[in-house]
Structures are given as structure tokens and as C-alpha cells.
Protein backbone atom coordinates (compact mmCIF):
# COMPACT_ATOMS: atom_id res chain seq x y z
CA MET A 1 -0.04 0.07 -0.19
CA LEU A 2 2.71 2.56 0.82
CA LEU A 3 4.48 1.62 -2.38
CA VAL A 4 1.44 2.64 -4.35
CA VAL A 5 0.94 6.03 -2.25
CA GLY A 6 4.68 6.78 -2.72
CA VAL A 7 4.42 6.30 -6.67
CA LEU A 8 1.25 8.60 -6.79
CA MET A 9 2.99 11.35 -4.80
CA ILE A 10 5.88 11.20 -7.21
CA VAL A 11 3.61 11.63 -10.19
CA ILE A 12 1.51 14.36 -8.33
CA GLY A 13 4.74 16.16 -7.53
CA ILE A 14 6.03 15.99 -10.99
CA VAL A 15 2.81 17.38 -12.26
CA LEU A 16 2.77 20.23 -9.90
CA ALA A 17 6.38 21.16 -10.50
CA VAL A 18 5.52 21.64 -14.20
CA ALA A 19 1.97 22.61 -14.23
CA ILE A 20 2.26 25.50 -11.56
CA PRO A 21 4.91 27.43 -13.55
CA LEU A 22 3.27 27.03 -16.94
CA MET A 23 0.08 28.19 -15.24
CA THR A 24 1.53 31.15 -13.63
CA PHE A 25 4.43 32.00 -15.93
CA LYS A 26 4.51 35.54 -17.71
CA ASP A 27 7.36 36.79 -19.67
CA PRO A 28 7.80 40.47 -18.96
CA ALA A 29 7.93 41.29 -22.57
CA ASP A 30 4.50 39.53 -23.14
CA ALA A 31 3.09 40.98 -19.87
CA ALA A 32 4.32 44.59 -20.38
CA LEU A 33 1.68 47.53 -20.33
CA LYS A 34 4.32 49.66 -21.70
CA THR A 35 7.42 49.11 -23.52
CA LEU A 36 10.11 51.88 -23.55
CA GLU A 37 13.06 51.99 -26.17
CA PHE A 38 15.83 54.02 -25.07
CA GLU A 39 18.73 54.85 -27.84
CA SER A 40 22.26 55.44 -26.79
CA GLY A 41 22.59 58.16 -24.19
CA GLY A 42 19.02 57.62 -22.86
CA GLY A 43 16.12 60.12 -22.97
CA THR A 44 12.75 60.56 -21.21
CA GLN A 45 9.31 59.36 -22.45
CA SER A 46 5.75 59.96 -21.24
CA VAL A 47 3.32 57.11 -20.43
CA GLN A 48 -0.27 57.19 -19.26
CA LEU A 49 -0.90 54.82 -16.24
CA ASP A 50 -3.97 53.91 -14.33
CA LYS A 51 -4.09 53.83 -10.47
CA GLY A 52 -2.44 50.67 -9.12
CA THR A 53 0.72 48.66 -8.69
CA TYR A 54 3.39 48.27 -11.35
CA GLU A 55 6.80 46.70 -11.72
CA VAL A 56 9.66 47.95 -13.70
CA TRP A 57 11.75 45.38 -15.65
CA GLY A 58 14.69 46.11 -17.78
CA LEU A 59 16.34 43.97 -20.61
CA ILE A 60 19.69 42.35 -19.52
CA ASP A 61 22.60 43.67 -21.62
CA ILE A 62 25.20 40.62 -21.67
CA ILE A 63 25.28 39.78 -17.99
CA ALA A 64 23.14 42.76 -16.05
CA PHE A 65 20.76 45.60 -17.05
CA VAL A 66 22.89 48.99 -17.57
CA GLY A 67 21.45 52.25 -16.82
CA ASP A 68 19.33 54.12 -14.06
CA VAL A 69 15.41 54.46 -14.33
CA THR A 70 13.70 57.33 -12.92
CA ILE A 71 9.80 57.68 -12.91
CA THR A 72 8.10 60.95 -11.87
CA ASP A 73 4.46 61.76 -11.71
CA GLY A 74 2.74 64.94 -13.38
CA SER A 75 3.89 67.11 -10.37
CA GLY A 76 7.62 66.16 -10.81
CA ASN A 77 7.53 63.97 -7.79
CA THR A 78 9.79 60.84 -8.09
CA VAL A 79 7.70 57.66 -7.52
CA PHE A 80 10.47 55.16 -8.67
CA GLN A 81 14.21 55.22 -9.00
CA GLY A 82 15.84 51.89 -9.91
CA PRO A 83 17.43 49.40 -10.00
CA GLU A 84 16.26 48.89 -6.46
CA GLY A 85 18.77 46.72 -4.32
CA ASP A 86 20.85 44.01 -6.26
CA SER A 87 17.97 43.28 -8.95
CA THR A 88 18.66 39.42 -8.67
CA THR A 89 15.51 38.44 -10.13
CA SER A 90 15.43 37.75 -13.80
CA VAL A 91 13.02 35.94 -16.16
CA ASN A 92 14.02 35.24 -19.66
CA GLY A 93 16.46 37.74 -20.07
CA LYS A 94 14.85 40.42 -18.27
CA SER A 95 15.90 41.94 -14.77
CA ARG A 96 13.50 43.04 -12.18
CA LEU A 97 14.49 46.59 -11.34
CA GLY A 98 11.55 47.43 -8.82
CA SER A 99 8.07 48.33 -8.19
CA PHE A 100 5.99 51.55 -7.54
CA ASP A 101 2.45 52.63 -6.80
CA ALA A 102 0.65 55.06 -9.19
CA ASP A 103 -2.39 57.16 -8.55
CA GLY A 104 -3.17 57.45 -12.22
CA GLY A 105 -2.23 60.05 -14.75
CA SER A 106 0.97 60.83 -17.00
CA TYR A 107 3.97 59.98 -15.83
CA SER A 108 7.54 60.45 -17.27
CA VAL A 109 10.05 57.63 -17.38
CA SER A 110 13.79 58.65 -17.77
CA CYS A 111 16.92 56.28 -18.53
CA ASP A 112 20.43 57.37 -18.70
CA ALA A 113 21.65 54.54 -21.10
CA ARG A 114 20.62 52.64 -24.18
CA ALA A 115 18.01 49.96 -22.63
CA THR A 116 14.83 48.61 -22.95
CA VAL A 117 12.16 49.15 -20.11
CA TYR A 118 8.92 47.32 -19.46
CA ILE A 119 6.41 48.52 -17.29
CA THR A 120 4.12 45.56 -16.33
CA GLU A 121 1.35 44.45 -13.62
CA PRO A 122 3.03 42.51 -10.75
CA ILE A 123 4.50 39.08 -11.84
CA ASN A 124 4.23 36.59 -9.30
CA VAL A 125 7.78 35.10 -9.73
CA GLY A 126 7.82 33.87 -6.05
CA GLY A 127 4.56 31.75 -6.80
CA ILE A 128 6.50 30.14 -9.94
CA LEU A 129 9.60 29.20 -7.55
CA GLY A 130 7.15 27.99 -4.89
CA GLY A 131 5.24 25.85 -7.10
CA ILE A 132 8.62 24.16 -8.32
CA CYS A 133 9.97 23.74 -4.88
CA GLY A 134 6.63 22.53 -3.77
CA GLY A 135 6.68 19.90 -6.62
CA LEU A 136 10.03 18.85 -5.89
CA LEU A 137 9.38 18.56 -2.10
CA VAL A 138 6.22 16.28 -3.00
CA VAL A 139 8.47 14.08 -5.32
CA ALA A 140 11.22 13.66 -2.53
CA ILE A 141 8.59 12.52 0.04
CA GLY A 142 7.12 10.31 -2.37
CA GLY A 143 10.10 8.68 -3.02
CA VAL A 144 10.92 7.78 0.57
CA VAL A 145 7.38 6.51 1.00
CA ALA A 146 7.73 4.18 -2.18
CA LEU A 147 11.20 3.04 -0.88
CA VAL A 148 9.71 2.18 2.47
CA GLY A 149 6.69 0.53 0.95
CA PHE A 150 9.08 -1.49 -1.29
CA ILE A 151 11.23 -2.75 1.49
CA MET A 152 8.07 -3.73 3.47
CA TRP A 153 6.61 -5.54 0.65
CA LEU A 154 9.90 -7.44 -0.11
CA SER A 155 10.09 -8.46 3.63
CA SER A 156 6.62 -9.73 3.66
CA ARG A 157 7.20 -11.76 0.38
CA LYS A 158 10.15 -13.38 1.97
CA GLY A 159 8.27 -14.06 5.14
CA GLN A 160 5.39 -15.88 3.18
CA GLN A 161 7.77 -18.00 1.32
CA ALA A 162 9.46 -19.12 4.65
CA ALA A 163 6.05 -19.73 6.09
CA TYR A 164 4.54 -21.81 3.31
CA PRO A 165 7.44 -23.96 1.49
CA GLN A 166 6.45 -25.46 -1.73
CA GLN A 167 4.57 -28.50 -1.30
CA PRO A 168 3.97 -31.32 -3.87
CA TYR A 169 0.63 -31.50 -5.52
CA PRO A 170 -2.11 -33.29 -3.12
CA GLY A 171 -2.00 -36.95 -3.50
CA TYR A 172 1.57 -36.91 -5.03
CA PRO A 173 4.24 -38.16 -2.91
CA PRO A 174 7.79 -36.47 -3.17
CA GLN A 175 9.45 -38.01 -6.20
CA GLN A 176 12.54 -40.01 -5.52
CA TYR A 177 15.24 -41.81 -7.42
CA PRO A 178 15.23 -44.56 -7.89
CA TYR A 179 11.43 -45.01 -7.67
CA PRO A 180 10.22 -47.16 -4.88
CA GLY A 181 10.15 -50.78 -5.74
CA TYR A 182 12.76 -50.46 -8.49
CA PRO A 183 16.37 -51.79 -7.71
CA PRO A 184 19.11 -49.64 -7.98
CA GLN A 185 20.29 -49.43 -11.66
CA GLN A 186 23.29 -51.28 -12.72
CA TYR A 187 25.59 -51.01 -15.63
CA PRO A 188 25.55 -52.96 -17.70
CA ALA A 189 21.87 -53.75 -17.18
CA PRO A 190 21.38 -57.46 -16.23
CA GLY A 191 20.63 -59.41 -19.43
CA TYR A 192 22.44 -57.22 -21.84
CA LEU A 193 24.64 -59.01 -24.04
CA GLN A 194 28.05 -57.56 -24.64
CA GLN A 195 29.40 -57.50 -27.91
CA PRO A 196 32.14 -60.04 -28.48
CA GLN A 197 35.63 -58.73 -28.55
CA PRO A 198 37.73 -59.85 -31.46
CA GLN A 199 40.40 -62.18 -30.29
CA GLN A 200 43.95 -61.64 -31.16
CA PRO A 201 45.85 -64.42 -33.01
CA GLN A 202 48.15 -66.57 -30.42
CA PRO A 203 51.60 -67.39 -31.54
CA GLN A 204 52.17 -70.78 -32.44
CA GLN A 205 54.60 -72.90 -30.23
CA PRO A 206 56.90 -75.24 -32.00
CA GLN A 207 56.07 -78.82 -31.39
CA PRO A 208 58.85 -81.30 -30.55
CA GLN A 209 59.45 -83.81 -33.51
CA GLN A 210 58.88 -87.57 -32.74
CA PRO A 211 61.92 -89.95 -34.21
CA GLN A 212 60.61 -91.74 -37.41
CA PRO A 213 60.91 -95.52 -37.32
CA PRO A 214 63.42 -96.85 -40.02
CA PRO A 215 61.91 -98.19 -43.13
CA PRO A 216 61.29 -101.71 -43.28
CA SER A 217 64.48 -103.83 -44.58
CA PRO A 218 63.68 -105.63 -48.15
CA PRO A 219 62.95 -109.45 -47.78
CA PRO A 220 65.96 -111.67 -48.67
CA GLN A 221 66.29 -112.88 -52.20
């Protein structure tokens, strides 16, 4: 049972780690409400924004975003100046520069270098990372549960084999050799005719010669 539960947890964890990022992921370039291109030397551009919270992203140049971005409202008050902090969060080559709150109206966006700036609604990067980490955690727990379940299943299987050794079929005694009532086998088997072996010729022994009687003498004339 634990083995099945562990396998199911592994499958669910993989699905969570893949599905949550796909469902919540947004590329800043695709989610941008405003995309601002600044040529060499920078400049200032005006944008219209509704009331709300916004994030500022910049296209990474080689290894980092180059330039400083300043956003002021219609009264000249600075509402954003970045990059904020280390700007370590990045998605598809775009670095998060920070966020600001807008009351709505016209805003001026200034940059002192050649860059591409995106103004987006908040992107839930933490939710993406949380989904991946949560899915991997479920996979790890499922792996441990599956391993424990497999060990328990293997131990129970060995215990069943020891408690119920293999028995012959009912009505059939254990087979023995030679079968009961049969004498032990001999070789060659009784009554088996062996093939005659060819006989080697024996050397003849010389026979002693008997003396021959003399021939009869002729009768007298």
C-alpha cells in the first residue's frame, strides 16, 4: 500500500512542478503594459498609467541591466528610481528593477543609457518558484514513502515464502530416485549382451618332433 502511495505522490509532485510554473509564468515582454526603447545616451518618455501597483523590468545587456531608471508623476515627484537593491530576480533575460504605486495619470520615464524598459503588472515570480520547490518536495517525500513500501513488501514476501514452503501436489508423494520398488540401476543392465571382442591370434609354439621309425628292410632274395 505504501508503495502505491509513494508512486502516486511522485507523479503528483512532477505534475505540480511542471503545471504551476506553466500556469503562472509570464514573460515581462509579453505582460508589459508599456515597452519603452531608449537609444544611446538615454532620454525621457511619457506614459499614461491607471491607478495601481506596477513593476519595472529591464532587458539584460550581456550579464546585467545597464542604466538607471527614474519615474516621476505629473507634479514632478519621483515615484520610482532603480534598479532597487541587487536586482537579482530575472526572467527570460529580463531583470526586475523594482516596483511603484501610481495614482493614475501621466508619468515621465527617464533612462540614462541605451536600454529597453518594461512596465508591467506584478508578476508572481515567487509563486513560480514556490510551485517548483513544492512539487520537488512532494516528489522527494513520495520517493521515501515508495522506498519504505518496497522494503516492507519485499520483507513480507520473503516471510510468506518461509512460512509456506513449496509442497507437492495433493496425492502425489515427493519424487525419489530410484523410484520405490525398483532396484538400483546397474551398468551394464542384467541380461544385456555384450558384443564379442575380436580375439588376437596367438603365436604358435613349436612342437617337438618324434623320431621316425626306420623303413622296413627288403626281404632276402
